[in-house]
């Protein structure tokens, strides 16, 4: 009886927690945006013109404008120089790079760069890793790292931010029928989540 109760409690928690945490994250982001930009807007606009939610709308509008500006070459160069300064700061560079790499996984630009989800065979061991083809043109690789019939594959690590970029023979690579989001989720959770085929309504 106790085992039956505990099993159902655990099942309930597994069902509820992902939804609750997702909703809390959205709530936290909304409250933070409203608190930061909302306070700034209140100090500029008359109280009559301010209404709840304007901070969140301002945040989304700001993100949209920044996204547009990042398409401009000049802005890209200025941003790259600013990043270069951050990367030279001992403590800040580690924190910034970890956060930036995490969000790059979900960036539309990153999805274009990661051309193909692949399975990489490790020698004759029979072991295989899931990776993303990041560079298939040898001429675009550093000198001394250019080999014919080889491609650069990014191998993400499970349960942490980071991974390895490895040059592997094309013969060791097999394309997988997975999109980047599904493959990244599967890899980062060490396969615990399964694939979309195992979830109703998955694509």
C-alpha atoms as a PDB file:
ATOM      1  CA  UNK A   1       0.000   0.000   0.000  1.00  0.00           C
ATOM      2  CA  UNK A   2       2.797   2.397   0.947  1.00  0.00           C
ATOM      3  CA  UNK A   3       4.642   1.565  -2.258  1.00  0.00           C
ATOM      4  CA  UNK A   4       1.478   2.255  -4.276  1.00  0.00           C
ATOM      5  CA  UNK A   5       1.028   5.658  -2.596  1.00  0.00           C
ATOM      6  CA  UNK A   6       4.674   6.689  -2.990  1.00  0.00           C
ATOM      7  CA  UNK A   7       4.714   5.647  -6.655  1.00  0.00           C
ATOM      8  CA  UNK A   8       1.657   7.735  -7.438  1.00  0.00           C
ATOM      9  CA  UNK A   9       3.019  10.727  -5.500  1.00  0.00           C
ATOM     10  CA  UNK A  10       6.239  10.504  -7.490  1.00  0.00           C
ATOM     11  CA  UNK A  11       4.286  10.246 -10.747  1.00  0.00           C
ATOM     12  CA  UNK A  12       2.266  13.298  -9.751  1.00  0.00           C
ATOM     13  CA  UNK A  13       5.402  15.292  -8.941  1.00  0.00           C
ATOM     14  CA  UNK A  14       7.051  14.328 -12.235  1.00  0.00           C
ATOM     15  CA  UNK A  15       3.904  15.500 -14.034  1.00  0.00           C
ATOM     16  CA  UNK A  16       3.397  18.727 -12.092  1.00  0.00           C
ATOM     17  CA  UNK A  17       6.951  20.009 -11.550  1.00  0.00           C
ATOM     18  CA  UNK A  18       7.923  20.642 -15.228  1.00  0.00           C
ATOM     19  CA  UNK A  19       4.699  22.641 -15.733  1.00  0.00           C
ATOM     20  CA  UNK A  20       5.099  24.486 -12.420  1.00  0.00           C
ATOM     21  CA  UNK A  21       8.753  25.344 -13.043  1.00  0.00           C
ATOM     22  CA  UNK A  22       8.000  26.537 -16.583  1.00  0.00           C
ATOM     23  CA  UNK A  23       5.171  28.740 -15.354  1.00  0.00           C
ATOM     24  CA  UNK A  24       7.350  30.080 -12.532  1.00  0.00           C
ATOM     25  CA  UNK A  25      10.159  30.900 -14.981  1.00  0.00           C
ATOM     26  CA  UNK A  26       7.724  32.824 -17.210  1.00  0.00           C
ATOM     27  CA  UNK A  27       6.325  34.570 -14.126  1.00  0.00           C
ATOM     28  CA  UNK A  28       9.823  35.477 -12.912  1.00  0.00           C
ATOM     29  CA  UNK A  29      10.833  36.840 -16.331  1.00  0.00           C
ATOM     30  CA  UNK A  30       7.628  38.900 -16.529  1.00  0.00           C
ATOM     31  CA  UNK A  31       8.010  40.321 -13.022  1.00  0.00           C
ATOM     32  CA  UNK A  32      11.704  41.096 -13.585  1.00  0.00           C
ATOM     33  CA  UNK A  33      11.034  42.854 -16.881  1.00  0.00           C
ATOM     34  CA  UNK A  34       8.187  44.847 -15.370  1.00  0.00           C
ATOM     35  CA  UNK A  35      10.243  45.743 -12.310  1.00  0.00           C
ATOM     36  CA  UNK A  36      13.351  46.899 -14.182  1.00  0.00           C
ATOM     37  CA  UNK A  37      11.973  48.682 -17.246  1.00  0.00           C
ATOM     38  CA  UNK A  38       8.661  49.489 -15.574  1.00  0.00           C
ATOM     39  CA  UNK A  39      10.447  51.496 -12.889  1.00  0.00           C
ATOM     40  CA  UNK A  40      12.456  53.321 -15.513  1.00  0.00           C
ATOM     41  CA  UNK A  41       9.356  54.136 -17.541  1.00  0.00           C
ATOM     42  CA  UNK A  42       7.505  55.359 -14.438  1.00  0.00           C
ATOM     43  CA  UNK A  43      10.318  57.816 -13.763  1.00  0.00           C
ATOM     44  CA  UNK A  44       9.980  59.226 -17.294  1.00  0.00           C
ATOM     45  CA  UNK A  45       6.272  59.077 -18.085  1.00  0.00           C
ATOM     46  CA  UNK A  46       3.527  60.761 -16.083  1.00  0.00           C
ATOM     47  CA  UNK A  47       1.685  58.394 -13.752  1.00  0.00           C
ATOM     48  CA  UNK A  48      -1.468  58.843 -15.815  1.00  0.00           C
ATOM     49  CA  UNK A  49       0.166  57.285 -18.884  1.00  0.00           C
ATOM     50  CA  UNK A  50       1.671  54.328 -17.031  1.00  0.00           C
ATOM     51  CA  UNK A  51      -0.245  51.052 -16.861  1.00  0.00           C
ATOM     52  CA  UNK A  52       0.779  47.549 -15.619  1.00  0.00           C
ATOM     53  CA  UNK A  53       2.456  45.464 -18.302  1.00  0.00           C
ATOM     54  CA  UNK A  54       4.141  48.324 -20.108  1.00  0.00           C
ATOM     55  CA  UNK A  55       7.522  47.194 -18.737  1.00  0.00           C
ATOM     56  CA  UNK A  56       7.127  43.738 -20.282  1.00  0.00           C
ATOM     57  CA  UNK A  57       6.070  45.211 -23.625  1.00  0.00           C
ATOM     58  CA  UNK A  58       9.049  47.573 -23.504  1.00  0.00           C
ATOM     59  CA  UNK A  59      11.368  44.606 -22.849  1.00  0.00           C
ATOM     60  CA  UNK A  60      10.021  42.683 -25.846  1.00  0.00           C
ATOM     61  CA  UNK A  61      10.258  45.811 -28.008  1.00  0.00           C
ATOM     62  CA  UNK A  62      13.844  46.377 -26.873  1.00  0.00           C
ATOM     63  CA  UNK A  63      14.765  42.757 -27.668  1.00  0.00           C
ATOM     64  CA  UNK A  64      13.181  43.155 -31.131  1.00  0.00           C
ATOM     65  CA  UNK A  65      15.127  46.350 -31.832  1.00  0.00           C
ATOM     66  CA  UNK A  66      18.402  44.787 -30.659  1.00  0.00           C
ATOM     67  CA  UNK A  67      17.707  41.785 -32.897  1.00  0.00           C
ATOM     68  CA  UNK A  68      17.217  44.102 -35.883  1.00  0.00           C
ATOM     69  CA  UNK A  69      20.370  46.064 -35.098  1.00  0.00           C
ATOM     70  CA  UNK A  70      22.425  42.863 -34.874  1.00  0.00           C
ATOM     71  CA  UNK A  71      21.788  42.348 -38.595  1.00  0.00           C
ATOM     72  CA  UNK A  72      23.886  45.439 -39.306  1.00  0.00           C
ATOM     73  CA  UNK A  73      27.603  44.867 -39.895  1.00  0.00           C
ATOM     74  CA  UNK A  74      28.662  47.921 -37.876  1.00  0.00           C
ATOM     75  CA  UNK A  75      26.645  46.812 -34.835  1.00  0.00           C
ATOM     76  CA  UNK A  76      28.039  43.284 -35.119  1.00  0.00           C
ATOM     77  CA  UNK A  77      31.591  44.658 -35.090  1.00  0.00           C
ATOM     78  CA  UNK A  78      30.887  46.909 -32.088  1.00  0.00           C
ATOM     79  CA  UNK A  79      29.323  44.002 -30.218  1.00  0.00           C
ATOM     80  CA  UNK A  80      32.301  41.779 -31.076  1.00  0.00           C
ATOM     81  CA  UNK A  81      34.695  44.391 -29.658  1.00  0.00           C
ATOM     82  CA  UNK A  82      32.624  44.678 -26.490  1.00  0.00           C
ATOM     83  CA  UNK A  83      32.677  40.888 -26.136  1.00  0.00           C
ATOM     84  CA  UNK A  84      36.431  40.895 -26.658  1.00  0.00           C
ATOM     85  CA  UNK A  85      36.790  43.198 -23.641  1.00  0.00           C
ATOM     86  CA  UNK A  86      34.606  40.890 -21.524  1.00  0.00           C
ATOM     87  CA  UNK A  87      36.636  37.856 -22.577  1.00  0.00           C
ATOM     88  CA  UNK A  88      39.784  39.520 -21.192  1.00  0.00           C
ATOM     89  CA  UNK A  89      38.334  39.923 -17.694  1.00  0.00           C
ATOM     90  CA  UNK A  90      39.386  36.925 -15.538  1.00  0.00           C
ATOM     91  CA  UNK A  91      36.174  36.183 -13.624  1.00  0.00           C
ATOM     92  CA  UNK A  92      33.584  37.795 -15.867  1.00  0.00           C
ATOM     93  CA  UNK A  93      34.746  35.972 -19.010  1.00  0.00           C
ATOM     94  CA  UNK A  94      33.982  32.533 -17.531  1.00  0.00           C
ATOM     95  CA  UNK A  95      30.500  33.500 -16.323  1.00  0.00           C
ATOM     96  CA  UNK A  96      29.628  35.417 -19.491  1.00  0.00           C
ATOM     97  CA  UNK A  97      30.869  32.688 -21.828  1.00  0.00           C
ATOM     98  CA  UNK A  98      28.904  29.987 -19.983  1.00  0.00           C
ATOM     99  CA  UNK A  99      25.678  32.029 -20.135  1.00  0.00           C
ATOM    100  CA  UNK A 100      26.227  33.054 -23.757  1.00  0.00           C
ATOM    101  CA  UNK A 101      26.973  29.494 -24.878  1.00  0.00           C
ATOM    102  CA  UNK A 102      23.796  28.275 -23.185  1.00  0.00           C
ATOM    103  CA  UNK A 103      21.576  30.814 -24.942  1.00  0.00           C
ATOM    104  CA  UNK A 104      23.385  30.254 -28.244  1.00  0.00           C
ATOM    105  CA  UNK A 105      21.862  26.751 -28.265  1.00  0.00           C
ATOM    106  CA  UNK A 106      18.457  28.331 -28.804  1.00  0.00           C
ATOM    107  CA  UNK A 107      19.517  31.138 -31.119  1.00  0.00           C
ATOM    108  CA  UNK A 108      18.088  31.138 -34.677  1.00  0.00           C
ATOM    109  CA  UNK A 109      21.601  31.975 -35.907  1.00  0.00           C
ATOM    110  CA  UNK A 110      23.068  28.967 -34.136  1.00  0.00           C
ATOM    111  CA  UNK A 111      20.450  26.713 -35.719  1.00  0.00           C
ATOM    112  CA  UNK A 112      21.687  27.777 -39.148  1.00  0.00           C
ATOM    113  CA  UNK A 113      25.312  27.146 -38.189  1.00  0.00           C
ATOM    114  CA  UNK A 114      24.625  23.676 -36.797  1.00  0.00           C
ATOM    115  CA  UNK A 115      23.862  22.240 -40.213  1.00  0.00           C
ATOM    116  CA  UNK A 116      23.103  18.625 -39.366  1.00  0.00           C
ATOM    117  CA  UNK A 117      22.508  16.395 -36.361  1.00  0.00           C
ATOM    118  CA  UNK A 118      24.771  13.363 -36.722  1.00  0.00           C
ATOM    119  CA  UNK A 119      25.904  10.190 -35.025  1.00  0.00           C
ATOM    120  CA  UNK A 120      29.695   9.960 -34.663  1.00  0.00           C
ATOM    121  CA  UNK A 121      31.289   6.508 -34.424  1.00  0.00           C
ATOM    122  CA  UNK A 122      34.284   6.215 -32.083  1.00  0.00           C
ATOM    123  CA  UNK A 123      36.801   3.988 -33.842  1.00  0.00           C
ATOM    124  CA  UNK A 124      36.051   0.261 -33.658  1.00  0.00           C
ATOM    125  CA  UNK A 125      34.627   0.444 -30.150  1.00  0.00           C
ATOM    126  CA  UNK A 126      31.013   0.418 -31.324  1.00  0.00           C
ATOM    127  CA  UNK A 127      30.336   3.557 -29.290  1.00  0.00           C
ATOM    128  CA  UNK A 128      28.476   6.471 -30.881  1.00  0.00           C
ATOM    129  CA  UNK A 129      28.007  10.114 -29.886  1.00  0.00           C
ATOM    130  CA  UNK A 130      25.403  12.653 -30.964  1.00  0.00           C
ATOM    131  CA  UNK A 131      26.894  15.793 -32.463  1.00  0.00           C
ATOM    132  CA  UNK A 132      26.278  18.761 -34.739  1.00  0.00           C
ATOM    133  CA  UNK A 133      28.151  19.479 -37.956  1.00  0.00           C
ATOM    134  CA  UNK A 134      29.507  23.007 -37.521  1.00  0.00           C
ATOM    135  CA  UNK A 135      31.890  23.167 -40.469  1.00  0.00           C
ATOM    136  CA  UNK A 136      31.925  20.948 -43.532  1.00  0.00           C
ATOM    137  CA  UNK A 137      34.222  23.105 -45.695  1.00  0.00           C
ATOM    138  CA  UNK A 138      37.928  22.362 -45.002  1.00  0.00           C
ATOM    139  CA  UNK A 139      39.034  25.766 -46.365  1.00  0.00           C
ATOM    140  CA  UNK A 140      37.135  27.514 -43.570  1.00  0.00           C
ATOM    141  CA  UNK A 141      39.068  25.653 -40.868  1.00  0.00           C
ATOM    142  CA  UNK A 142      42.349  26.857 -39.278  1.00  0.00           C
ATOM    143  CA  UNK A 143      45.580  26.013 -41.087  1.00  0.00           C
ATOM    144  CA  UNK A 144      46.946  22.682 -39.968  1.00  0.00           C
ATOM    145  CA  UNK A 145      43.396  21.551 -39.206  1.00  0.00           C
ATOM    146  CA  UNK A 146      42.292  21.165 -42.794  1.00  0.00           C
ATOM    147  CA  UNK A 147      41.880  17.588 -43.941  1.00  0.00           C
ATOM    148  CA  UNK A 148      40.053  16.304 -46.968  1.00  0.00           C
ATOM    149  CA  UNK A 149      37.041  14.083 -46.331  1.00  0.00           C
ATOM    150  CA  UNK A 150      36.833  15.341 -42.728  1.00  0.00           C
ATOM    151  CA  UNK A 151      34.297  17.636 -41.073  1.00  0.00           C
ATOM    152  CA  UNK A 152      34.141  19.570 -37.811  1.00  0.00           C
ATOM    153  CA  UNK A 153      31.539  18.234 -35.383  1.00  0.00           C
ATOM    154  CA  UNK A 154      30.474  19.761 -32.069  1.00  0.00           C
ATOM    155  CA  UNK A 155      29.861  17.191 -29.320  1.00  0.00           C
ATOM    156  CA  UNK A 156      27.817  18.703 -26.441  1.00  0.00           C
ATOM    157  CA  UNK A 157      28.234  17.419 -22.892  1.00  0.00           C
ATOM    158  CA  UNK A 158      25.350  16.142 -20.768  1.00  0.00           C
ATOM    159  CA  UNK A 159      24.112  18.006 -17.687  1.00  0.00           C
ATOM    160  CA  UNK A 160      26.533  20.899 -18.135  1.00  0.00           C
ATOM    161  CA  UNK A 161      27.412  23.779 -20.422  1.00  0.00           C
ATOM    162  CA  UNK A 162      30.189  22.998 -22.868  1.00  0.00           C
ATOM    163  CA  UNK A 163      31.387  20.410 -25.308  1.00  0.00           C
ATOM    164  CA  UNK A 164      34.119  19.562 -27.787  1.00  0.00           C
ATOM    165  CA  UNK A 165      34.682  20.532 -31.418  1.00  0.00           C
ATOM    166  CA  UNK A 166      36.362  17.551 -33.093  1.00  0.00           C
ATOM    167  CA  UNK A 167      37.552  16.912 -36.618  1.00  0.00           C
ATOM    168  CA  UNK A 168      36.292  13.508 -37.738  1.00  0.00           C
ATOM    169  CA  UNK A 169      36.336  11.558 -41.023  1.00  0.00           C
ATOM    170  CA  UNK A 170      33.105  11.756 -43.011  1.00  0.00           C
ATOM    171  CA  UNK A 171      33.019   7.952 -42.969  1.00  0.00           C
ATOM    172  CA  UNK A 172      32.544   8.070 -39.177  1.00  0.00           C
ATOM    173  CA  UNK A 173      29.505  10.328 -39.405  1.00  0.00           C
ATOM    174  CA  UNK A 174      25.912   9.240 -39.976  1.00  0.00           C
ATOM    175  CA  UNK A 175      23.061  11.802 -40.318  1.00  0.00           C
ATOM    176  CA  UNK A 176      20.238  11.445 -37.769  1.00  0.00           C
ATOM    177  CA  UNK A 177      16.566  12.228 -38.331  1.00  0.00           C
ATOM    178  CA  UNK A 178      16.426  14.731 -35.441  1.00  0.00           C
ATOM    179  CA  UNK A 179      16.137  18.497 -35.369  1.00  0.00           C
ATOM    180  CA  UNK A 180      18.625  20.541 -33.357  1.00  0.00           C
ATOM    181  CA  UNK A 181      16.262  21.343 -30.483  1.00  0.00           C
ATOM    182  CA  UNK A 182      15.305  17.706 -29.991  1.00  0.00           C
ATOM    183  CA  UNK A 183      18.906  16.482 -30.241  1.00  0.00           C
ATOM    184  CA  UNK A 184      20.172  19.140 -27.820  1.00  0.00           C
ATOM    185  CA  UNK A 185      17.466  18.331 -25.271  1.00  0.00           C
ATOM    186  CA  UNK A 186      18.177  14.616 -25.621  1.00  0.00           C
ATOM    187  CA  UNK A 187      21.942  15.116 -25.186  1.00  0.00           C
ATOM    188  CA  UNK A 188      21.889  17.659 -22.355  1.00  0.00           C
ATOM    189  CA  UNK A 189      19.638  15.384 -20.290  1.00  0.00           C
ATOM    190  CA  UNK A 190      21.731  12.286 -21.113  1.00  0.00           C
ATOM    191  CA  UNK A 191      18.785  10.738 -22.947  1.00  0.00           C
ATOM    192  CA  UNK A 192      16.469  10.883 -19.925  1.00  0.00           C
ATOM    193  CA  UNK A 193      13.871  12.855 -21.878  1.00  0.00           C
ATOM    194  CA  UNK A 194      13.833  10.415 -24.781  1.00  0.00           C
ATOM    195  CA  UNK A 195      12.959  11.664 -28.265  1.00  0.00           C
ATOM    196  CA  UNK A 196       9.814  13.389 -29.469  1.00  0.00           C
ATOM    197  CA  UNK A 197       8.558  10.072 -30.803  1.00  0.00           C
ATOM    198  CA  UNK A 198       8.198   8.971 -27.190  1.00  0.00           C
ATOM    199  CA  UNK A 199       6.025  11.981 -26.302  1.00  0.00           C
ATOM    200  CA  UNK A 200       2.484  12.490 -27.543  1.00  0.00           C
ATOM    201  CA  UNK A 201       2.224  15.430 -29.891  1.00  0.00           C
ATOM    202  CA  UNK A 202       6.009  15.540 -30.535  1.00  0.00           C
ATOM    203  CA  UNK A 203       7.260  16.731 -33.899  1.00  0.00           C
END
